[in-house]
Amino acid sequence: MVLSAARLTRGRNATTHSGAKADLAARGTTVIDARVVDDGDLITGAGITSGLEVALWLVERFVGAQAAQPAENVLEYERGGTVWRS
């Protein structure tokens, strides 16, 4: 919602916590029902616990899956959410 208040999500695809999706949509954002939304230079997560999935997605996107998988193992976290890409 901070990104939305700064008008960075207007006309863009994004996600947020389920309790704020209606507010995000009301501010001109296309709300995607996914844990992580990668809209190019804007990457958003669906809530507090999706922060780990956002971080692992960033590793995968910029370094590669071969780096993301070991990081996932070290964190003892198994990604199971959806990454939506534009």
N, C-alpha and C. Protein backbone atom coordinates (compact mmCIF):
# COMPACT_ATOMS: atom_id res chain seq x y z
N MET A 1 0.82 -1.19 0.00
CA MET A 1 0.00 0.00 0.00
C MET A 1 0.87 1.26 0.00
N VAL A 2 2.09 1.14 0.51
CA VAL A 2 3.02 2.28 0.46
C VAL A 2 3.36 2.59 -1.00
N LEU A 3 3.59 1.56 -1.80
CA LEU A 3 3.87 1.78 -3.21
C LEU A 3 2.67 2.40 -3.91
N SER A 4 1.48 1.98 -3.51
CA SER A 4 0.26 2.54 -4.08
C SER A 4 0.09 4.00 -3.70
N ALA A 5 0.38 4.34 -2.46
CA ALA A 5 0.28 5.73 -2.00
C ALA A 5 1.25 6.63 -2.77
N ALA A 6 2.37 6.06 -3.20
CA ALA A 6 3.35 6.81 -3.99
C ALA A 6 3.00 6.78 -5.48
N ARG A 7 1.85 6.19 -5.81
CA ARG A 7 1.34 6.08 -7.19
C ARG A 7 2.23 5.22 -8.09
N LEU A 8 2.97 4.31 -7.50
CA LEU A 8 3.85 3.45 -8.29
C LEU A 8 3.13 2.22 -8.84
N THR A 9 1.93 1.92 -8.34
CA THR A 9 1.20 0.74 -8.81
C THR A 9 0.04 1.09 -9.73
N ARG A 10 -0.24 2.35 -9.90
CA ARG A 10 -1.38 2.77 -10.74
C ARG A 10 -1.18 2.27 -12.16
N GLY A 11 -2.19 1.52 -12.66
CA GLY A 11 -2.12 0.97 -14.00
C GLY A 11 -1.19 -0.21 -14.14
N ARG A 12 -0.71 -0.72 -13.03
CA ARG A 12 0.24 -1.85 -13.04
C ARG A 12 -0.42 -3.07 -12.43
N ASN A 13 0.24 -4.22 -12.58
CA ASN A 13 -0.18 -5.47 -11.95
C ASN A 13 0.57 -5.60 -10.63
N ALA A 14 -0.16 -5.97 -9.58
CA ALA A 14 0.46 -6.11 -8.26
C ALA A 14 -0.41 -6.99 -7.38
N THR A 15 0.13 -7.35 -6.24
CA THR A 15 -0.62 -8.08 -5.23
C THR A 15 -0.32 -7.48 -3.87
N THR A 16 -1.10 -7.85 -2.89
CA THR A 16 -0.90 -7.42 -1.51
C THR A 16 -1.62 -8.39 -0.60
N HIS A 17 -1.60 -8.12 0.67
CA HIS A 17 -2.32 -8.94 1.65
C HIS A 17 -3.80 -8.99 1.28
N SER A 18 -4.42 -10.12 1.50
CA SER A 18 -5.83 -10.30 1.12
C SER A 18 -6.75 -9.24 1.72
N GLY A 19 -6.41 -8.74 2.89
CA GLY A 19 -7.23 -7.73 3.54
C GLY A 19 -7.14 -6.35 2.91
N ALA A 20 -6.18 -6.15 2.01
CA ALA A 20 -5.99 -4.84 1.39
C ALA A 20 -6.18 -4.85 -0.13
N LYS A 21 -6.56 -6.00 -0.70
CA LYS A 21 -6.68 -6.10 -2.15
C LYS A 21 -7.73 -5.14 -2.71
N ALA A 22 -8.85 -4.99 -2.04
CA ALA A 22 -9.89 -4.07 -2.52
C ALA A 22 -9.39 -2.63 -2.51
N ASP A 23 -8.67 -2.25 -1.47
CA ASP A 23 -8.10 -0.90 -1.40
C ASP A 23 -7.08 -0.67 -2.52
N LEU A 24 -6.27 -1.68 -2.78
CA LEU A 24 -5.27 -1.58 -3.84
C LEU A 24 -5.94 -1.41 -5.20
N ALA A 25 -6.97 -2.18 -5.45
CA ALA A 25 -7.71 -2.08 -6.71
C ALA A 25 -8.38 -0.71 -6.84
N ALA A 26 -8.88 -0.17 -5.74
CA ALA A 26 -9.55 1.13 -5.76
C ALA A 26 -8.58 2.25 -6.13
N ARG A 27 -7.30 2.01 -5.98
CA ARG A 27 -6.28 3.02 -6.31
C ARG A 27 -5.73 2.85 -7.73
N GLY A 28 -6.41 2.03 -8.52
CA GLY A 28 -6.03 1.92 -9.93
C GLY A 28 -5.05 0.82 -10.26
N THR A 29 -4.88 -0.13 -9.37
CA THR A 29 -3.96 -1.24 -9.60
C THR A 29 -4.74 -2.46 -10.07
N THR A 30 -4.20 -3.20 -11.02
CA THR A 30 -4.78 -4.47 -11.40
C THR A 30 -4.27 -5.50 -10.41
N VAL A 31 -5.15 -5.97 -9.55
CA VAL A 31 -4.76 -6.90 -8.49
C VAL A 31 -4.76 -8.32 -9.03
N ILE A 32 -3.63 -8.99 -8.87
CA ILE A 32 -3.45 -10.36 -9.31
C ILE A 32 -3.47 -11.26 -8.09
N ASP A 33 -4.21 -12.37 -8.17
CA ASP A 33 -4.31 -13.31 -7.05
C ASP A 33 -3.14 -14.29 -7.14
N ALA A 34 -1.99 -13.85 -6.61
CA ALA A 34 -0.78 -14.68 -6.61
C ALA A 34 0.06 -14.29 -5.40
N ARG A 35 0.95 -15.16 -4.99
CA ARG A 35 1.83 -14.86 -3.85
C ARG A 35 2.87 -13.82 -4.22
N VAL A 36 3.36 -13.89 -5.46
CA VAL A 36 4.37 -12.95 -5.96
C VAL A 36 3.93 -12.48 -7.34
N VAL A 37 3.98 -11.18 -7.56
CA VAL A 37 3.68 -10.62 -8.88
C VAL A 37 4.91 -9.87 -9.37
N ASP A 38 5.43 -10.32 -10.51
CA ASP A 38 6.60 -9.71 -11.14
C ASP A 38 6.10 -8.97 -12.37
N ASP A 39 6.02 -7.66 -12.27
CA ASP A 39 5.56 -6.82 -13.37
C ASP A 39 6.73 -6.00 -13.91
N GLY A 40 7.82 -6.70 -14.18
CA GLY A 40 9.00 -6.04 -14.72
C GLY A 40 9.82 -5.37 -13.64
N ASP A 41 9.72 -4.05 -13.55
CA ASP A 41 10.49 -3.32 -12.53
C ASP A 41 9.70 -3.11 -11.24
N LEU A 42 8.57 -3.80 -11.11
CA LEU A 42 7.76 -3.74 -9.90
C LEU A 42 7.44 -5.17 -9.47
N ILE A 43 7.94 -5.56 -8.30
CA ILE A 43 7.69 -6.91 -7.77
C ILE A 43 7.02 -6.75 -6.42
N THR A 44 5.85 -7.39 -6.27
CA THR A 44 5.09 -7.27 -5.03
C THR A 44 4.78 -8.65 -4.46
N GLY A 45 4.54 -8.69 -3.15
CA GLY A 45 4.20 -9.93 -2.46
C GLY A 45 2.86 -9.82 -1.78
N ALA A 46 2.24 -10.97 -1.54
CA ALA A 46 0.87 -11.03 -1.05
C ALA A 46 0.71 -10.92 0.46
N GLY A 47 1.72 -10.62 1.18
CA GLY A 47 1.58 -10.50 2.62
C GLY A 47 2.88 -10.83 3.32
N ILE A 48 2.81 -10.89 4.62
CA ILE A 48 4.00 -11.04 5.44
C ILE A 48 4.80 -12.29 5.09
N THR A 49 4.17 -13.44 5.05
CA THR A 49 4.91 -14.68 4.81
C THR A 49 5.38 -14.81 3.37
N SER A 50 4.79 -14.06 2.45
CA SER A 50 5.24 -14.14 1.07
C SER A 50 6.56 -13.39 0.86
N GLY A 51 7.04 -12.70 1.87
CA GLY A 51 8.33 -12.02 1.77
C GLY A 51 9.46 -12.97 1.45
N LEU A 52 9.42 -14.18 2.02
CA LEU A 52 10.44 -15.19 1.70
C LEU A 52 10.33 -15.60 0.23
N GLU A 53 9.10 -15.72 -0.26
CA GLU A 53 8.93 -16.10 -1.66
C GLU A 53 9.38 -15.00 -2.60
N VAL A 54 9.16 -13.75 -2.22
CA VAL A 54 9.66 -12.62 -3.02
C VAL A 54 11.18 -12.67 -3.06
N ALA A 55 11.81 -12.87 -1.90
CA ALA A 55 13.27 -12.91 -1.85
C ALA A 55 13.83 -14.04 -2.69
N LEU A 56 13.23 -15.22 -2.59
CA LEU A 56 13.70 -16.36 -3.39
C LEU A 56 13.45 -16.14 -4.88
N TRP A 57 12.33 -15.48 -5.22
CA TRP A 57 12.07 -15.16 -6.62
C TRP A 57 13.14 -14.20 -7.16
N LEU A 58 13.51 -13.21 -6.35
CA LEU A 58 14.54 -12.27 -6.78
C LEU A 58 15.87 -12.99 -7.05
N VAL A 59 16.21 -13.92 -6.17
CA VAL A 59 17.44 -14.71 -6.39
C VAL A 59 17.31 -15.49 -7.69
N GLU A 60 16.17 -16.14 -7.88
CA GLU A 60 15.98 -16.94 -9.09
C GLU A 60 16.00 -16.06 -10.34
N ARG A 61 15.33 -14.94 -10.29
CA ARG A 61 15.25 -14.06 -11.47
C ARG A 61 16.61 -13.47 -11.86
N PHE A 62 17.36 -13.03 -10.86
CA PHE A 62 18.61 -12.33 -11.17
C PHE A 62 19.86 -13.20 -11.14
N VAL A 63 19.81 -14.33 -10.44
CA VAL A 63 21.00 -15.19 -10.35
C VAL A 63 20.73 -16.55 -11.00
N GLY A 64 19.51 -17.05 -10.88
CA GLY A 64 19.15 -18.32 -11.51
C GLY A 64 18.60 -19.32 -10.52
N ALA A 65 17.87 -20.28 -11.06
CA ALA A 65 17.26 -21.32 -10.23
C ALA A 65 18.31 -22.14 -9.49
N GLN A 66 19.50 -22.28 -10.09
CA GLN A 66 20.57 -23.06 -9.46
C GLN A 66 21.04 -22.40 -8.17
N ALA A 67 20.81 -21.12 -7.99
CA ALA A 67 21.14 -20.44 -6.74
C ALA A 67 19.94 -20.37 -5.80
N ALA A 68 18.75 -20.29 -6.36
CA ALA A 68 17.54 -20.16 -5.53
C ALA A 68 17.24 -21.44 -4.77
N GLN A 69 17.45 -22.58 -5.40
CA GLN A 69 17.13 -23.85 -4.74
C GLN A 69 17.98 -24.08 -3.49
N PRO A 70 19.30 -23.89 -3.55
CA PRO A 70 20.08 -24.05 -2.32
C PRO A 70 19.68 -23.03 -1.25
N ALA A 71 19.34 -21.82 -1.66
CA ALA A 71 18.90 -20.80 -0.68
C ALA A 71 17.61 -21.25 0.00
N GLU A 72 16.71 -21.82 -0.79
CA GLU A 72 15.46 -22.36 -0.24
C GLU A 72 15.76 -23.46 0.78
N ASN A 73 16.72 -24.31 0.48
CA ASN A 73 17.09 -25.39 1.40
C ASN A 73 17.69 -24.85 2.69
N VAL A 74 18.56 -23.84 2.58
CA VAL A 74 19.18 -23.25 3.77
C VAL A 74 18.12 -22.62 4.67
N LEU A 75 17.13 -21.97 4.04
CA LEU A 75 16.06 -21.33 4.81
C LEU A 75 15.06 -22.33 5.37
N GLU A 76 15.17 -23.59 4.92
CA GLU A 76 14.20 -24.63 5.28
C GLU A 76 12.78 -24.15 4.98
N TYR A 77 12.65 -23.61 3.78
CA TYR A 77 11.37 -23.08 3.32
C TYR A 77 11.09 -23.62 1.93
N GLU A 78 9.93 -24.21 1.77
CA GLU A 78 9.55 -24.76 0.48
C GLU A 78 8.55 -23.83 -0.18
N ARG A 79 8.95 -23.26 -1.32
CA ARG A 79 8.04 -22.38 -2.05
C ARG A 79 6.89 -23.18 -2.60
N GLY A 80 5.71 -22.66 -2.45
CA GLY A 80 4.54 -23.34 -2.96
C GLY A 80 3.56 -22.38 -3.60
N GLY A 81 3.90 -21.10 -3.54
CA GLY A 81 3.00 -20.09 -4.08
C GLY A 81 3.22 -19.85 -5.55
N THR A 82 2.33 -19.06 -6.08
CA THR A 82 2.37 -18.71 -7.49
C THR A 82 3.20 -17.46 -7.72
N VAL A 83 4.06 -17.50 -8.74
CA VAL A 83 4.75 -16.29 -9.21
C VAL A 83 4.08 -15.93 -10.53
N TRP A 84 3.47 -14.76 -10.56
CA TRP A 84 2.83 -14.28 -11.78
C TRP A 84 3.80 -13.31 -12.46
N ARG A 85 4.02 -13.52 -13.76
CA ARG A 85 4.94 -12.65 -14.50
C ARG A 85 4.21 -12.01 -15.66
N SER A 86 4.51 -10.73 -15.89
CA SER A 86 3.90 -10.04 -17.03
C SER A 86 4.59 -10.40 -18.31
